[in-house]
Amino acid sequence: MSKLLTAVFTIAAMLAVATALAKPTSASSAPAAAGATPAVTVLPTVHHLVYRFGYNTKATKEGEGTGTTTIDIVGLAKDGGMKVTATDEWWNAVQPKQSSHCEVYANGSVVCGKAPYNLTVIQVAVVPLLGQNYFKALSGGLTSSWTQSYSVRATFLPGSGAGFAGQVYTWNCESSLNGKGTIPEQPPLVEIQSTGQMQQQGGRYIKVNQKAGVLYDPRIQMPVYVSELFTFVPRQTTNQYTVELKLIRT
């Protein structure tokens, strides 16, 4: 709870910019004048989200384990998934990491179907939360409780410095979420507590226990803050890690 309250004051100023995301630009529907050159169709503005992250540390502007992850929602796939490109840029790195190219479905399921099929340890904490129906239960009340089942198909490793070589696996995920109502210090942000597990299908059948706190902004229908603890069973080279993310730009 203390982490969430601290984050409220950090992101309050950022939300003034974030609200612009609520209504993407669309082409004008006004008819063209007789004899006029047909107007070029303008596609909706791409959603460009930038989260500041901290890996095993606070999400700050600089320092070991910090950086930004940029998530571009670039359109819809034929099967209804949202096309997403996500790129991590670590503090003091010479260049960004290789981008992830995935689809995110309404329930939070993620499929990374383009080589190298990767989803990073930073991105796995937030990309599923972008599913259009992930927080739909809040429409029935800001203190609603619900279970969210989804899957992640990708290759990712728990060590932040590791590469993404390896086989693609499907991870079945289930989270229990509890809405705690709006934060008095910064309404209408909604606090949500979540516990869950990711289970690898095949390979070593690794289980990943998850415990998270989220601040969700219903105006832009996006998580603006995530603090999550991941614990691996059986033990890995990296057995446990934390990720903190703050939305800083849209």
Protein backbone atom coordinates (compact mmCIF):
# COMPACT_ATOMS: atom_id res chain seq x y z
CA MET A 1 0.00 0.00 0.00
CA SER A 2 2.82 2.41 0.85
CA LYS A 3 4.36 1.91 -2.58
CA LEU A 4 1.06 2.74 -4.24
CA LEU A 5 0.55 5.89 -2.22
CA THR A 6 4.08 7.06 -2.99
CA ALA A 7 3.49 6.41 -6.68
CA VAL A 8 0.31 8.51 -6.69
CA PHE A 9 2.19 11.75 -6.13
CA THR A 10 4.86 10.80 -8.68
CA ILE A 11 2.43 10.15 -11.50
CA ALA A 12 -0.14 12.86 -10.76
CA ALA A 13 1.52 15.42 -13.03
CA MET A 14 1.98 12.81 -15.77
CA LEU A 15 -1.73 12.10 -15.99
CA ALA A 16 -2.55 15.50 -17.43
CA VAL A 17 -0.71 14.37 -20.55
CA ALA A 18 -2.04 10.82 -20.38
CA THR A 19 -5.69 11.89 -20.65
CA ALA A 20 -5.05 12.83 -24.27
CA LEU A 21 -4.96 9.11 -24.99
CA ALA A 22 -8.67 8.70 -24.25
CA LYS A 23 -9.83 9.97 -27.66
CA PRO A 24 -7.53 8.97 -30.54
CA THR A 25 -7.57 11.11 -33.65
CA SER A 26 -9.83 9.88 -36.43
CA ALA A 27 -10.55 10.90 -40.00
CA SER A 28 -13.16 13.57 -40.61
CA SER A 29 -16.59 12.33 -41.76
CA ALA A 30 -17.56 15.59 -43.52
CA PRO A 31 -18.40 15.13 -47.25
CA ALA A 32 -15.98 16.60 -49.79
CA ALA A 33 -17.08 19.60 -51.84
CA ALA A 34 -17.99 18.96 -55.48
CA GLY A 35 -14.88 18.81 -57.65
CA ALA A 36 -12.55 18.83 -54.69
CA THR A 37 -9.61 16.44 -54.45
CA PRO A 38 -10.65 13.43 -52.36
CA ALA A 39 -9.29 13.62 -48.86
CA VAL A 40 -6.62 11.14 -47.82
CA THR A 41 -7.92 8.80 -45.12
CA VAL A 42 -6.15 9.46 -41.82
CA LEU A 43 -5.75 6.42 -39.58
CA PRO A 44 -6.28 6.75 -35.82
CA THR A 45 -3.27 7.93 -33.88
CA VAL A 46 -1.02 5.12 -32.72
CA HIS A 47 -1.10 4.70 -28.96
CA HIS A 48 2.44 5.40 -27.81
CA LEU A 49 2.98 4.47 -24.16
CA VAL A 50 6.21 5.01 -22.27
CA TYR A 51 6.70 3.44 -18.86
CA ARG A 52 9.65 4.15 -16.59
CA PHE A 53 10.77 0.88 -15.00
CA GLY A 54 12.90 -0.40 -12.17
CA TYR A 55 14.16 -3.99 -12.11
CA ASN A 56 14.82 -4.99 -8.48
CA THR A 57 14.83 -1.28 -7.69
CA LYS A 58 12.61 1.80 -7.83
CA ALA A 59 11.49 3.16 -11.20
CA THR A 60 13.62 6.30 -11.34
CA LYS A 61 15.21 8.44 -14.07
CA GLU A 62 18.63 6.85 -13.79
CA GLY A 63 20.59 4.16 -12.02
CA GLU A 64 21.43 0.48 -12.26
CA GLY A 65 18.39 -1.62 -13.14
CA THR A 66 16.32 1.29 -14.46
CA GLY A 67 15.16 2.42 -17.87
CA THR A 68 12.08 2.86 -20.02
CA THR A 69 9.90 0.48 -21.98
CA THR A 70 8.02 1.89 -24.95
CA ILE A 71 4.82 0.15 -26.06
CA ASP A 72 3.28 1.09 -29.39
CA ILE A 73 -0.22 -0.21 -30.15
CA VAL A 74 -0.06 -0.17 -33.93
CA GLY A 75 -3.40 -1.59 -35.04
CA LEU A 76 -5.58 -4.70 -35.15
CA ALA A 77 -4.68 -8.12 -36.53
CA LYS A 78 -7.11 -10.17 -38.63
CA ASP A 79 -7.85 -12.42 -35.65
CA GLY A 80 -8.86 -9.45 -33.48
CA GLY A 81 -5.69 -9.09 -31.44
CA MET A 82 -4.04 -5.70 -30.92
CA LYS A 83 -0.66 -5.48 -32.61
CA VAL A 84 1.92 -4.29 -30.11
CA THR A 85 5.61 -3.43 -30.43
CA ALA A 86 7.47 -3.13 -27.14
CA THR A 87 11.07 -1.99 -26.65
CA ASP A 88 13.12 -1.80 -23.46
CA GLU A 89 15.86 0.79 -23.14
CA TRP A 90 18.06 0.27 -20.10
CA TRP A 91 19.81 3.18 -18.40
CA ASN A 92 23.33 3.68 -19.72
CA ALA A 93 22.84 1.07 -22.47
CA VAL A 94 24.43 1.83 -25.82
CA GLN A 95 21.23 0.98 -27.69
CA PRO A 96 17.74 -0.36 -26.93
CA LYS A 97 17.12 -4.09 -26.63
CA GLN A 98 15.57 -5.91 -29.58
CA SER A 99 11.87 -5.10 -29.83
CA SER A 100 9.09 -7.56 -29.05
CA HIS A 101 6.35 -7.92 -31.68
CA CYS A 102 3.20 -9.43 -30.19
CA GLU A 103 -0.58 -9.47 -30.23
CA VAL A 104 -2.61 -8.74 -27.10
CA TYR A 105 -6.14 -10.09 -26.85
CA ALA A 106 -9.12 -8.73 -24.92
CA ASN A 107 -8.67 -11.06 -21.93
CA GLY A 108 -4.95 -10.26 -21.61
CA SER A 109 -3.58 -13.20 -23.60
CA VAL A 110 -0.34 -12.42 -25.44
CA VAL A 111 1.12 -14.16 -28.49
CA CYS A 112 4.56 -13.13 -29.75
CA GLY A 113 4.49 -14.63 -33.23
CA LYS A 114 7.40 -12.82 -34.84
CA ALA A 115 11.08 -13.73 -34.39
CA PRO A 116 12.73 -13.65 -31.90
CA TYR A 117 9.33 -14.36 -30.22
CA ASN A 118 10.51 -12.64 -27.05
CA LEU A 119 8.71 -10.93 -24.21
CA THR A 120 11.04 -9.38 -21.67
CA VAL A 121 10.84 -9.65 -17.90
CA ILE A 122 9.77 -5.99 -17.84
CA GLN A 123 7.12 -6.29 -20.52
CA VAL A 124 5.45 -9.40 -19.07
CA ALA A 125 4.44 -7.30 -16.05
CA VAL A 126 2.39 -4.81 -18.08
CA VAL A 127 1.59 -6.01 -21.63
CA PRO A 128 -1.17 -8.48 -20.56
CA LEU A 129 -2.82 -5.66 -18.57
CA LEU A 130 -3.44 -3.80 -21.84
CA GLY A 131 -6.12 -6.33 -22.86
CA GLN A 132 -9.36 -4.41 -23.45
CA ASN A 133 -11.38 -6.55 -21.03
CA TYR A 134 -8.72 -7.18 -18.39
CA PHE A 135 -10.25 -4.66 -15.98
CA LYS A 136 -13.81 -4.93 -17.31
CA ALA A 137 -15.10 -6.21 -13.95
CA LEU A 138 -14.55 -2.74 -12.48
CA SER A 139 -17.58 -1.54 -14.46
CA GLY A 140 -19.68 -3.43 -11.93
CA GLY A 141 -18.08 -1.62 -8.99
CA LEU A 142 -14.65 -0.31 -8.01
CA THR A 143 -14.39 -2.85 -5.19
CA SER A 144 -15.19 -5.82 -7.43
CA SER A 145 -13.25 -9.08 -7.16
CA TRP A 146 -12.66 -11.31 -10.16
CA THR A 147 -10.45 -14.00 -11.67
CA GLN A 148 -8.64 -13.31 -14.93
CA SER A 149 -7.47 -16.28 -17.01
CA TYR A 150 -5.17 -15.73 -19.98
CA SER A 151 -2.06 -17.16 -21.62
CA VAL A 152 1.31 -15.90 -22.79
CA ARG A 153 3.06 -17.54 -25.75
CA ALA A 154 6.63 -16.32 -26.03
CA THR A 155 10.17 -17.00 -24.95
CA PHE A 156 11.50 -15.09 -21.97
CA LEU A 157 14.02 -15.70 -19.21
CA PRO A 158 13.99 -14.38 -15.62
CA GLY A 159 17.49 -12.83 -15.78
CA SER A 160 17.47 -9.24 -17.03
CA GLY A 161 20.89 -9.60 -18.68
CA ALA A 162 20.02 -12.84 -20.47
CA GLY A 163 19.29 -13.16 -24.15
CA PHE A 164 16.16 -14.64 -25.65
CA ALA A 165 17.56 -17.77 -27.27
CA GLY A 166 15.34 -20.75 -26.55
CA GLN A 167 12.10 -22.47 -27.38
CA VAL A 168 8.76 -20.73 -27.43
CA TYR A 169 6.41 -21.94 -24.71
CA THR A 170 2.84 -21.25 -23.73
CA TRP A 171 2.35 -20.09 -20.14
CA ASN A 172 -1.16 -20.53 -18.71
CA CYS A 173 -1.91 -17.68 -16.31
CA GLU A 174 -4.58 -17.03 -13.74
CA SER A 175 -4.83 -14.03 -11.44
CA SER A 176 -7.22 -13.16 -8.62
CA LEU A 177 -7.84 -9.42 -8.52
CA ASN A 178 -9.48 -7.25 -5.88
CA GLY A 179 -10.51 -3.65 -6.49
CA LYS A 180 -9.89 -1.40 -3.50
CA GLY A 181 -11.76 1.67 -4.74
CA THR A 182 -10.32 5.04 -5.71
CA ILE A 183 -7.20 6.53 -4.13
CA PRO A 184 -8.28 9.54 -2.03
CA GLU A 185 -5.06 11.39 -2.84
CA GLN A 186 -5.59 11.18 -6.60
CA PRO A 187 -9.10 10.23 -7.79
CA PRO A 188 -10.26 8.60 -10.04
CA LEU A 189 -7.26 6.22 -9.91
CA VAL A 190 -8.37 2.76 -8.78
CA GLU A 191 -6.16 0.60 -6.58
CA ILE A 192 -6.11 -3.12 -7.41
CA GLN A 193 -4.34 -5.95 -5.61
CA SER A 194 -3.51 -9.09 -7.59
CA THR A 195 -2.12 -12.55 -6.88
CA GLY A 196 -1.62 -15.24 -9.48
CA GLN A 197 0.53 -17.80 -11.18
CA MET A 198 2.05 -18.47 -14.60
CA GLN A 199 2.55 -22.15 -15.48
CA GLN A 200 4.86 -23.19 -18.28
CA GLN A 201 3.39 -25.83 -20.60
CA GLY A 202 6.27 -28.14 -21.47
CA GLY A 203 9.99 -27.65 -20.90
CA ARG A 204 10.70 -27.68 -17.17
CA TYR A 205 7.08 -26.87 -16.29
CA ILE A 206 8.24 -23.85 -14.33
CA LYS A 207 5.72 -22.03 -12.17
CA VAL A 208 5.93 -18.30 -11.56
CA ASN A 209 4.06 -16.93 -8.55
CA GLN A 210 2.98 -13.31 -8.97
CA LYS A 211 1.94 -10.68 -6.46
CA ALA A 212 1.14 -7.18 -7.70
CA GLY A 213 -0.30 -3.79 -6.85
CA VAL A 214 -1.79 -1.76 -9.72
CA LEU A 215 -3.15 1.75 -10.16
CA TYR A 216 -5.66 1.88 -13.02
CA ASP A 217 -6.95 5.05 -14.68
CA PRO A 218 -10.51 4.50 -16.01
CA ARG A 219 -10.31 7.70 -18.08
CA ILE A 220 -7.67 6.27 -20.39
CA GLN A 221 -8.38 2.61 -19.56
CA MET A 222 -4.73 1.94 -18.85
CA PRO A 223 -2.63 0.84 -15.86
CA VAL A 224 -0.52 3.84 -14.83
CA TYR A 225 1.45 2.09 -12.10
CA VAL A 226 2.46 -1.55 -11.54
CA SER A 227 4.56 -3.02 -8.73
CA GLU A 228 5.01 -6.78 -9.09
CA LEU A 229 6.96 -9.58 -7.40
CA PHE A 230 7.81 -12.72 -9.42
CA THR A 231 8.96 -15.93 -7.70
CA PHE A 232 10.07 -18.98 -9.73
CA VAL A 233 9.44 -22.62 -8.78
CA PRO A 234 11.69 -24.59 -9.05
CA ARG A 235 14.55 -22.17 -8.41
CA GLN A 236 16.21 -20.56 -11.42
CA THR A 237 19.46 -18.66 -11.84
CA THR A 238 17.32 -15.67 -10.92
CA ASN A 239 14.83 -17.07 -8.41
CA GLN A 240 12.92 -13.89 -7.60
CA TYR A 241 12.71 -10.39 -8.95
CA THR A 242 10.57 -7.28 -8.75
CA VAL A 243 9.40 -4.87 -11.44
CA GLU A 244 8.05 -1.36 -10.86
CA LEU A 245 6.53 0.59 -13.76
CA LYS A 246 5.16 4.14 -13.98
CA LEU A 247 3.43 5.57 -17.01
CA ILE A 248 5.26 8.78 -17.90
CA ARG A 249 4.17 9.55 -21.47
CA THR A 250 1.47 8.72 -23.99
